[in-house]
Amino acid sequence: MIYSVVQVIPYEDYTVYVYFEDGKIVCYDARPLLEKKAFEPLKNIDFFMNSCTILNDTLAWDVSGDRDESKCLDIDPETLYKLEQAVERIA
């Protein structure tokens, strides 16, 4: 099954609310990624917040700034979909 992400909302605590086309909502905790060299750009909270987007039909961070799907940091949508259902966060 293909799980398409339709919306992502990042928060300054390094969580991202991920909305799927079937209505499921999950909260992804990106803090463990900060320890991995490949995800080092995420340590900059401005980058984390401003480059968070949807690329490759999943949660991603646009590294190049030109929406190049080959130059992004993305999370496997199946990994996201397996997370526990979350209640929508009110800002």
C-alpha atoms as a PDB file:
ATOM      1  CA  MET A   1       0.000   0.000   0.000  1.00  0.00           C
ATOM      2  CA  ILE A   2       1.181   3.514  -0.773  1.00  0.00           C
ATOM      3  CA  TYR A   3       0.755   6.081   1.970  1.00  0.00           C
ATOM      4  CA  SER A   4       0.570   9.632   0.597  1.00  0.00           C
ATOM      5  CA  VAL A   5       1.252  12.559   2.881  1.00  0.00           C
ATOM      6  CA  VAL A   6      -0.877  15.620   2.145  1.00  0.00           C
ATOM      7  CA  GLN A   7       0.210  18.042   4.872  1.00  0.00           C
ATOM      8  CA  VAL A   8       3.062  18.500   7.343  1.00  0.00           C
ATOM      9  CA  ILE A   9       3.228  20.981  10.197  1.00  0.00           C
ATOM     10  CA  PRO A  10       6.575  21.342  12.013  1.00  0.00           C
ATOM     11  CA  TYR A  11       6.923  22.611  15.566  1.00  0.00           C
ATOM     12  CA  GLU A  12       9.906  24.096  17.400  1.00  0.00           C
ATOM     13  CA  ASP A  13      10.157  21.058  19.685  1.00  0.00           C
ATOM     14  CA  TYR A  14      11.324  19.050  16.623  1.00  0.00           C
ATOM     15  CA  THR A  15       8.022  17.277  16.154  1.00  0.00           C
ATOM     16  CA  VAL A  16       6.069  17.257  12.914  1.00  0.00           C
ATOM     17  CA  TYR A  17       2.397  16.516  12.562  1.00  0.00           C
ATOM     18  CA  VAL A  18       1.929  14.459   9.415  1.00  0.00           C
ATOM     19  CA  TYR A  19      -1.446  14.194   7.687  1.00  0.00           C
ATOM     20  CA  PHE A  20      -2.198  11.334   5.299  1.00  0.00           C
ATOM     21  CA  GLU A  21      -4.718  11.362   2.476  1.00  0.00           C
ATOM     22  CA  ASP A  22      -6.862   8.769   4.259  1.00  0.00           C
ATOM     23  CA  GLY A  23      -7.280  11.101   7.255  1.00  0.00           C
ATOM     24  CA  LYS A  24      -4.736   9.525   9.579  1.00  0.00           C
ATOM     25  CA  ILE A  25      -2.632  11.990  11.589  1.00  0.00           C
ATOM     26  CA  VAL A  26       0.649  11.076  13.282  1.00  0.00           C
ATOM     27  CA  CYS A  27       3.171  13.008  15.306  1.00  0.00           C
ATOM     28  CA  TYR A  28       6.730  12.343  14.161  1.00  0.00           C
ATOM     29  CA  ASP A  29       9.461  13.061  16.709  1.00  0.00           C
ATOM     30  CA  ALA A  30      12.481  14.133  14.659  1.00  0.00           C
ATOM     31  CA  ARG A  31      14.810  14.597  17.653  1.00  0.00           C
ATOM     32  CA  PRO A  32      16.550  11.213  17.189  1.00  0.00           C
ATOM     33  CA  LEU A  33      17.528  12.309  13.668  1.00  0.00           C
ATOM     34  CA  LEU A  34      19.637  15.121  15.108  1.00  0.00           C
ATOM     35  CA  GLU A  35      22.242  12.547  16.185  1.00  0.00           C
ATOM     36  CA  LYS A  36      22.745  11.286  12.606  1.00  0.00           C
ATOM     37  CA  LYS A  37      25.305  12.987  10.393  1.00  0.00           C
ATOM     38  CA  ALA A  38      23.066  12.916   7.310  1.00  0.00           C
ATOM     39  CA  PHE A  39      20.420  14.908   9.174  1.00  0.00           C
ATOM     40  CA  GLU A  40      22.813  17.462  10.682  1.00  0.00           C
ATOM     41  CA  PRO A  41      21.150  20.427   8.878  1.00  0.00           C
ATOM     42  CA  LEU A  42      18.037  19.813  10.984  1.00  0.00           C
ATOM     43  CA  LYS A  43      19.887  20.992  14.101  1.00  0.00           C
ATOM     44  CA  ASN A  44      19.322  24.529  12.827  1.00  0.00           C
ATOM     45  CA  ILE A  45      15.764  25.181  14.005  1.00  0.00           C
ATOM     46  CA  ASP A  46      15.161  27.749  11.249  1.00  0.00           C
ATOM     47  CA  PHE A  47      16.116  25.173   8.623  1.00  0.00           C
ATOM     48  CA  PHE A  48      14.002  22.529  10.339  1.00  0.00           C
ATOM     49  CA  MET A  49      10.942  24.778  10.392  1.00  0.00           C
ATOM     50  CA  ASN A  50      11.301  26.528   7.029  1.00  0.00           C
ATOM     51  CA  SER A  51      12.414  23.657   4.809  1.00  0.00           C
ATOM     52  CA  CYS A  52       9.898  21.121   6.146  1.00  0.00           C
ATOM     53  CA  THR A  53       7.669  20.118   3.247  1.00  0.00           C
ATOM     54  CA  ILE A  54       6.290  17.248   1.226  1.00  0.00           C
ATOM     55  CA  LEU A  55       8.578  15.720  -1.388  1.00  0.00           C
ATOM     56  CA  ASN A  56       8.383  12.182  -2.772  1.00  0.00           C
ATOM     57  CA  ASP A  57       4.847  12.050  -1.277  1.00  0.00           C
ATOM     58  CA  THR A  58       6.247  12.090   2.247  1.00  0.00           C
ATOM     59  CA  LEU A  59       7.654  14.283   5.013  1.00  0.00           C
ATOM     60  CA  ALA A  60      10.879  15.868   3.809  1.00  0.00           C
ATOM     61  CA  TRP A  61      13.239  18.766   4.305  1.00  0.00           C
ATOM     62  CA  ASP A  62      14.182  20.617   1.132  1.00  0.00           C
ATOM     63  CA  VAL A  63      17.983  20.813   1.397  1.00  0.00           C
ATOM     64  CA  SER A  64      18.637  22.617  -1.896  1.00  0.00           C
ATOM     65  CA  GLY A  65      15.728  25.034  -1.627  1.00  0.00           C
ATOM     66  CA  ASP A  66      14.592  24.291  -5.179  1.00  0.00           C
ATOM     67  CA  ARG A  67      12.248  21.358  -4.418  1.00  0.00           C
ATOM     68  CA  ASP A  68      14.628  18.866  -6.029  1.00  0.00           C
ATOM     69  CA  GLU A  69      13.338  15.478  -4.859  1.00  0.00           C
ATOM     70  CA  SER A  70      16.826  13.996  -5.177  1.00  0.00           C
ATOM     71  CA  LYS A  71      18.280  16.605  -2.796  1.00  0.00           C
ATOM     72  CA  CYS A  72      16.083  16.278   0.237  1.00  0.00           C
ATOM     73  CA  LEU A  73      16.040  14.549   3.583  1.00  0.00           C
ATOM     74  CA  ASP A  74      12.905  12.434   3.644  1.00  0.00           C
ATOM     75  CA  ILE A  75      11.280   9.879   5.900  1.00  0.00           C
ATOM     76  CA  ASP A  76       9.851   6.633   4.575  1.00  0.00           C
ATOM     77  CA  PRO A  77       6.060   7.104   4.480  1.00  0.00           C
ATOM     78  CA  GLU A  78       5.489   3.556   5.697  1.00  0.00           C
ATOM     79  CA  THR A  79       7.568   4.323   8.792  1.00  0.00           C
ATOM     80  CA  LEU A  80       5.413   7.378   9.420  1.00  0.00           C
ATOM     81  CA  TYR A  81       2.147   5.548   8.820  1.00  0.00           C
ATOM     82  CA  LYS A  82       3.045   2.892  11.383  1.00  0.00           C
ATOM     83  CA  LEU A  83       3.156   5.528  14.134  1.00  0.00           C
ATOM     84  CA  GLU A  84       0.274   5.715  16.574  1.00  0.00           C
ATOM     85  CA  GLN A  85      -2.691   7.873  15.562  1.00  0.00           C
ATOM     86  CA  ALA A  86      -2.312  11.367  17.014  1.00  0.00           C
ATOM     87  CA  VAL A  87      -4.854  13.956  18.024  1.00  0.00           C
ATOM     88  CA  GLU A  88      -4.556  17.111  15.965  1.00  0.00           C
ATOM     89  CA  ARG A  89      -2.446  19.695  17.760  1.00  0.00           C
ATOM     90  CA  ILE A  90      -3.902  23.144  18.314  1.00  0.00           C
ATOM     91  CA  ALA A  91      -1.165  25.778  17.920  1.00  0.00           C
END
